[in-house]
Every structure is written in C-alpha cells, then in structure tokens.
N, C-alpha and C. Protein backbone atom coordinates (compact mmCIF):
# COMPACT_ATOMS: atom_id res chain seq x y z
N MET A 1 0.51 -1.11 -0.12
CA MET A 1 -0.12 0.05 0.03
C MET A 1 1.08 1.14 0.27
N ALA A 2 0.68 2.02 -1.13
CA ALA A 2 1.59 3.49 -0.90
C ALA A 2 1.28 4.19 0.23
N LEU A 3 2.25 4.75 0.30
CA LEU A 3 1.85 6.15 1.43
C LEU A 3 1.50 7.55 1.06
N ALA A 4 0.23 7.98 1.99
CA ALA A 4 -0.25 8.97 1.58
C ALA A 4 0.76 10.38 1.19
N LEU A 5 0.87 11.35 0.36
CA LEU A 5 1.76 12.21 0.00
C LEU A 5 1.70 13.24 1.39
N ASN A 6 0.31 13.41 1.39
CA ASN A 6 0.41 14.57 2.68
C ASN A 6 -1.41 14.26 3.55
N VAL A 7 -0.49 14.45 4.70
CA VAL A 7 -1.56 14.06 5.85
C VAL A 7 -1.54 15.30 7.13
N TYR A 8 -2.87 15.63 7.21
CA TYR A 8 -2.81 16.48 8.19
C TYR A 8 -3.34 16.52 9.62
N LYS A 9 -2.98 16.63 10.64
CA LYS A 9 -3.39 16.35 11.70
C LYS A 9 -3.63 17.27 12.58
N THR A 10 -4.79 17.37 13.80
CA THR A 10 -5.09 18.08 14.52
C THR A 10 -4.25 17.53 15.92
N ILE A 11 -3.79 18.28 16.77
CA ILE A 11 -3.74 18.01 18.17
C ILE A 11 -3.90 18.54 18.88
N THR A 12 -4.53 17.91 20.00
CA THR A 12 -4.83 18.67 21.48
C THR A 12 -4.32 18.04 22.43
N GLN A 13 -4.10 18.93 23.28
CA GLN A 13 -3.79 18.04 24.47
C GLN A 13 -3.68 19.35 26.06
N VAL A 14 -4.28 18.73 27.02
CA VAL A 14 -4.11 19.28 28.20
C VAL A 14 -2.75 19.74 28.60
N LEU A 15 -2.35 20.51 28.92
CA LEU A 15 -0.43 20.53 29.12
C LEU A 15 -0.70 19.68 30.57
N PRO A 16 0.52 19.13 31.08
CA PRO A 16 0.57 18.74 32.11
C PRO A 16 1.56 19.33 32.63
N THR A 17 2.10 19.05 34.11
CA THR A 17 3.15 20.22 34.80
C THR A 17 4.50 19.79 34.52
N SER A 18 5.10 18.57 33.76
CA SER A 18 6.26 18.09 33.23
C SER A 18 6.19 17.95 31.85
N PRO A 19 7.34 18.19 31.17
CA PRO A 19 7.23 18.17 29.92
C PRO A 19 6.65 17.01 29.36
N VAL A 20 6.13 16.67 28.26
CA VAL A 20 5.98 15.72 27.61
C VAL A 20 5.50 16.05 26.13
N GLY A 21 6.25 14.87 25.36
CA GLY A 21 6.01 14.88 23.59
C GLY A 21 4.36 14.92 23.44
N ILE A 22 3.73 15.42 22.45
CA ILE A 22 2.69 15.50 22.02
C ILE A 22 2.75 15.49 20.60
N TYR A 23 3.98 15.64 19.89
CA TYR A 23 3.99 15.00 18.65
C TYR A 23 5.19 14.88 18.18
N THR A 24 5.21 13.90 17.60
CA THR A 24 6.78 13.03 16.80
C THR A 24 6.50 12.99 15.32
N ALA A 25 7.44 13.69 14.53
CA ALA A 25 7.20 13.82 13.00
C ALA A 25 7.66 12.09 12.80
N PRO A 26 6.69 11.36 11.87
CA PRO A 26 6.91 10.05 11.66
C PRO A 26 8.06 9.63 10.66
N VAL A 27 8.69 8.59 10.94
CA VAL A 27 9.47 7.93 9.91
C VAL A 27 8.81 8.35 8.32
N GLY A 28 9.76 8.51 7.36
CA GLY A 28 9.22 8.95 6.01
C GLY A 28 8.54 10.22 5.61
N TYR A 29 8.41 10.72 6.87
CA TYR A 29 7.44 12.17 6.35
C TYR A 29 8.49 13.69 7.37
N SER A 30 8.22 14.72 6.84
CA SER A 30 8.02 15.70 7.19
C SER A 30 7.03 16.18 7.92
N GLY A 31 7.18 16.94 9.19
CA GLY A 31 6.11 17.39 9.95
C GLY A 31 6.25 19.14 9.59
N VAL A 32 5.24 19.67 9.07
CA VAL A 32 4.96 21.40 8.75
C VAL A 32 4.26 21.58 10.10
N VAL A 33 4.40 22.23 11.07
CA VAL A 33 3.71 22.61 12.21
C VAL A 33 2.89 24.05 11.51
N LEU A 34 1.63 23.71 11.55
CA LEU A 34 1.35 25.33 10.92
C LEU A 34 0.53 26.20 11.53
N LEU A 35 -0.07 25.77 12.46
CA LEU A 35 -0.74 26.46 14.10
C LEU A 35 -0.29 25.72 15.47
N ALA A 36 -0.13 26.64 16.23
CA ALA A 36 0.07 26.12 17.64
C ALA A 36 -0.17 27.13 18.54
N GLN A 37 -1.20 27.01 19.28
CA GLN A 37 -1.92 27.97 20.21
C GLN A 37 -2.32 27.10 21.55
N ILE A 38 -2.00 27.87 22.91
CA ILE A 38 -2.42 27.12 24.21
C ILE A 38 -3.55 28.35 24.43
N SER A 39 -4.28 28.12 25.28
CA SER A 39 -5.33 28.70 25.86
C SER A 39 -5.35 28.50 27.31
N ASN A 40 -5.71 29.39 27.89
CA ASN A 40 -5.49 29.35 29.41
C ASN A 40 -7.28 29.58 29.59
N THR A 41 -7.81 28.87 30.42
CA THR A 41 -9.33 28.86 30.47
C THR A 41 -9.41 28.98 31.80
N GLY A 42 -8.21 29.20 32.90
CA GLY A 42 -8.43 29.27 34.21
C GLY A 42 -8.71 30.95 34.55
N THR A 43 -8.49 31.20 36.01
CA THR A 43 -8.93 32.45 36.30
C THR A 43 -7.67 33.05 36.87
N SER A 44 -6.33 33.09 36.72
CA SER A 44 -5.39 33.32 36.86
C SER A 44 -4.33 33.30 36.14
N THR A 45 -3.52 34.10 35.63
CA THR A 45 -1.99 33.89 34.69
C THR A 45 -1.52 32.58 35.35
N GLN A 46 -0.81 32.18 34.26
CA GLN A 46 -0.66 30.72 34.02
C GLN A 46 1.26 30.33 32.97
N THR A 47 2.13 29.73 33.16
CA THR A 47 2.94 30.08 32.20
C THR A 47 3.40 28.63 31.47
N ILE A 48 4.09 28.79 30.20
CA ILE A 48 4.01 27.61 29.42
C ILE A 48 5.30 27.67 28.68
N THR A 49 5.76 26.07 28.75
CA THR A 49 6.95 26.09 27.93
C THR A 49 6.79 24.94 26.92
N VAL A 50 7.23 25.86 25.65
CA VAL A 50 7.14 24.44 24.93
C VAL A 50 8.50 24.68 23.99
N SER A 51 8.85 23.18 23.60
CA SER A 51 9.93 23.07 23.04
C SER A 51 10.16 22.16 21.87
N HIS A 52 11.76 22.32 21.17
CA HIS A 52 11.45 21.31 20.15
C HIS A 52 12.82 20.48 20.46
N VAL A 53 12.97 19.21 20.03
CA VAL A 53 13.53 18.10 20.72
C VAL A 53 14.07 17.46 19.20
N ARG A 54 15.51 17.31 19.09
CA ARG A 54 15.76 16.74 18.19
C ARG A 54 17.43 15.90 18.75
N SER A 55 17.19 14.40 18.03
CA SER A 55 18.12 13.77 18.69
C SER A 55 19.61 13.92 17.31
N ILE A 56 20.78 14.42 18.06
CA ILE A 56 21.87 14.34 17.14
C ILE A 56 23.01 13.80 17.80
N ALA A 57 23.66 12.74 16.94
CA ALA A 57 24.28 11.94 17.38
C ALA A 57 24.28 10.84 18.67
N GLY A 58 22.85 10.95 18.97
CA GLY A 58 22.30 10.10 20.15
C GLY A 58 21.96 10.62 21.39
N ALA A 59 22.44 12.29 21.31
CA ALA A 59 21.68 12.80 22.36
C ALA A 59 20.83 14.05 22.18
N ALA A 60 20.00 14.32 22.99
CA ALA A 60 18.58 14.87 22.64
C ALA A 60 19.13 16.16 23.10
N VAL A 61 18.68 17.33 22.09
CA VAL A 61 19.27 18.40 21.94
C VAL A 61 17.59 19.24 21.80
N THR A 62 17.35 19.99 22.81
CA THR A 62 16.10 20.65 23.49
C THR A 62 16.63 22.33 22.85
N THR A 63 15.40 22.68 22.38
CA THR A 63 15.51 23.99 22.03
C THR A 63 14.31 24.78 22.75
N GLU A 64 14.07 25.53 23.13
CA GLU A 64 12.68 26.26 23.83
C GLU A 64 11.83 27.49 22.73
N ILE A 65 10.99 26.75 22.35
CA ILE A 65 10.20 28.05 21.47
C ILE A 65 10.11 29.18 22.57
N VAL A 66 9.36 28.81 23.54
CA VAL A 66 8.93 29.42 24.48
C VAL A 66 9.57 28.80 25.95
N LYS A 67 9.93 29.85 26.82
CA LYS A 67 9.89 29.14 28.29
C LYS A 67 9.23 30.20 29.34
N ASP A 68 8.84 29.50 30.05
CA ASP A 68 8.17 30.40 31.30
C ASP A 68 7.09 31.34 30.86
N PHE A 69 6.61 31.52 29.79
CA PHE A 69 5.91 32.56 28.92
C PHE A 69 4.31 32.32 29.85
N PRO A 70 4.19 33.73 29.84
CA PRO A 70 3.15 34.03 30.62
C PRO A 70 1.88 34.17 29.75
N VAL A 71 0.61 33.26 29.93
CA VAL A 71 -0.77 33.50 29.31
C VAL A 71 -1.67 33.71 30.09
N PRO A 72 -2.73 35.06 30.15
CA PRO A 72 -3.13 35.72 31.32
C PRO A 72 -4.74 34.66 31.11
N ALA A 73 -5.11 34.78 32.25
CA ALA A 73 -6.45 34.03 32.50
C ALA A 73 -7.28 34.68 31.41
N ASN A 74 -8.09 33.38 30.70
CA ASN A 74 -9.00 33.90 29.66
C ASN A 74 -8.78 34.24 28.61
N ASP A 75 -7.46 33.74 28.01
CA ASP A 75 -6.95 34.56 26.99
C ASP A 75 -5.97 33.12 26.38
N THR A 76 -5.40 33.28 25.31
CA THR A 76 -4.91 32.39 24.30
C THR A 76 -3.39 32.92 23.32
N ALA A 77 -2.71 31.87 23.65
CA ALA A 77 -1.20 32.30 23.37
C ALA A 77 -0.94 32.12 22.27
N SER A 78 -0.32 32.52 20.80
CA SER A 78 0.01 31.88 19.45
C SER A 78 1.63 31.58 19.81
N ILE A 79 2.04 30.46 19.99
CA ILE A 79 3.34 29.73 19.91
C ILE A 79 4.37 30.15 18.90
N LEU A 80 3.55 30.20 17.69
CA LEU A 80 4.43 30.46 16.45
C LEU A 80 4.05 31.52 15.35
N ASP A 81 5.06 32.28 15.22
CA ASP A 81 4.84 33.13 14.04
C ASP A 81 4.80 32.85 12.78
N GLY A 82 5.31 31.73 12.39
CA GLY A 82 5.58 31.06 11.30
C GLY A 82 5.48 29.91 11.37
N LYS A 83 5.80 29.18 10.28
CA LYS A 83 5.58 27.36 10.52
C LYS A 83 6.92 26.87 11.03
N LEU A 84 7.05 25.53 11.40
CA LEU A 84 8.02 25.00 12.14
C LEU A 84 8.28 23.80 11.03
N VAL A 85 9.38 23.40 10.55
CA VAL A 85 9.30 22.50 10.09
C VAL A 85 10.30 21.31 10.79
N MET A 86 9.50 20.05 10.50
CA MET A 86 9.96 19.06 11.69
C MET A 86 10.78 17.94 10.99
N GLU A 87 11.99 17.49 11.23
CA GLU A 87 12.31 15.91 10.27
C GLU A 87 12.08 14.96 11.50
N THR A 88 12.31 13.95 10.74
CA THR A 88 11.87 12.51 11.67
C THR A 88 12.35 12.71 12.35
N ASN A 89 11.67 12.00 13.49
CA ASN A 89 11.65 11.83 14.82
C ASN A 89 11.86 13.20 15.94
N ASP A 90 11.95 14.29 14.92
CA ASP A 90 11.94 15.44 15.93
C ASP A 90 10.49 15.31 16.70
N ILE A 91 10.51 16.07 17.97
CA ILE A 91 9.45 16.14 18.92
C ILE A 91 8.80 17.52 19.39
N ILE A 92 7.66 17.71 19.52
CA ILE A 92 7.38 18.67 20.19
C ILE A 92 6.80 18.58 21.43
N LYS A 93 7.57 19.26 22.43
CA LYS A 93 7.24 18.93 24.16
C LYS A 93 6.20 20.43 24.68
N VAL A 94 5.88 19.92 25.49
CA VAL A 94 5.14 21.09 26.28
C VAL A 94 4.98 20.91 27.61
N SER A 95 4.71 21.71 28.63
CA SER A 95 4.09 21.74 29.81
C SER A 95 3.99 22.95 30.45
N GLY A 96 3.05 22.83 31.55
CA GLY A 96 2.51 24.40 31.88
C GLY A 96 2.69 24.41 33.42
N SER A 97 2.50 25.82 34.04
CA SER A 97 2.35 25.21 35.29
C SER A 97 0.84 25.19 36.17
N ASN A 98 -0.14 24.61 35.18
CA ASN A 98 -1.21 24.25 36.05
C ASN A 98 -1.66 23.00 35.32
N SER A 99 -1.96 21.83 35.97
CA SER A 99 -2.31 20.80 34.83
C SER A 99 -3.87 20.79 34.48
N THR A 100 -4.40 21.54 34.58
CA THR A 100 -5.62 21.60 34.08
C THR A 100 -6.22 22.89 33.33
N ASP A 101 -5.80 23.59 33.54
CA ASP A 101 -6.46 25.27 32.73
C ASP A 101 -5.51 25.49 31.10
N LEU A 102 -4.70 24.95 31.03
CA LEU A 102 -3.94 25.12 30.08
C LEU A 102 -4.07 23.92 28.68
N LYS A 103 -4.50 24.38 27.71
CA LYS A 103 -4.71 23.62 26.72
C LYS A 103 -4.63 23.81 25.22
N PHE A 104 -3.52 22.75 25.04
CA PHE A 104 -2.98 23.14 23.49
C PHE A 104 -3.70 22.44 21.97
N ILE A 105 -3.78 22.97 21.07
CA ILE A 105 -4.33 23.01 20.18
C ILE A 105 -3.09 23.37 18.77
N GLY A 106 -3.44 22.26 18.00
CA GLY A 106 -2.27 22.34 16.99
C GLY A 106 -2.81 21.62 15.48
N SER A 107 -1.96 22.11 14.37
CA SER A 107 -2.23 22.05 13.21
C SER A 107 -0.98 21.36 12.74
N VAL A 108 -0.99 19.98 11.88
CA VAL A 108 0.27 19.75 11.56
C VAL A 108 0.25 19.03 9.67
N LEU A 109 0.81 19.30 9.13
CA LEU A 109 0.76 18.97 7.71
C LEU A 109 1.94 17.76 7.24
N GLU A 110 1.65 16.38 7.46
CA GLU A 110 2.80 15.70 7.70
C GLU A 110 2.71 15.32 5.78
N THR A 111 4.36 15.35 5.50
CA THR A 111 4.80 15.50 4.02
C THR A 111 5.81 14.40 3.47
N LEU A 112 5.21 13.52 2.65
CA LEU A 112 5.92 12.41 2.50
C LEU A 112 7.53 12.81 1.96
N ASN A 113 8.38 12.43 2.63
CA ASN A 113 9.87 12.69 2.06
C ASN A 113 10.37 11.84 1.01
C-alpha cells in the first residue's frame, strides 16, 4: 500500500506540569507545524514552556520555543509566528504551571519525504 503524500493532523492536549511529547514527526515524513496555540481557561495567569527536541549523535538537543511564557486568564497564546518544519523523529514537548487550565491545539501537515 502506498503512503499518502500529505496528511493533515490536529493535535490537542491538556498541558501537564512536566514536559511531555505531544507530536513526533513519523518516519518517512516531514512535519510542518502550521498552527500552535495554548489557551488558559483558568482565572489566573499561568506559564507555559514549548520545546523542539531533536536527537543529534544519540543526544537529545532541546530548543525552547517559549520558556515560562505567561498566558493571562481567559486568553490564548500563539506559539509560532510562522511555520516550523520538523524532520523525522523530531518532537514537540509542552508543559505548564497548571495541569487543568492550559490547553494546546495545533495543526500539522505531514508530507512524504
């Protein structure tokens, strides 16, 4: 069976307080992150951290996209100003200061290598 040329995915996740991988670019595909937003549905400002992780020579290299970024109550933060290209096995990790009020939504286009 032939692989699909383009696959669109929507990712949703309630942010935990410890970093967790929410998307990994699959083998044979590059992932293009089109949208990444986090909403704070709580009544007080919370902070978020979003990172890109790539394995280089067997070691994980973590690059923070935002770190301890404040999101006001009842507001949303857009994490990317443009698009983020992810190579096979690259990971997006997220965490927040509250495990119930912070919610991630993202759109990814996976394109066949």
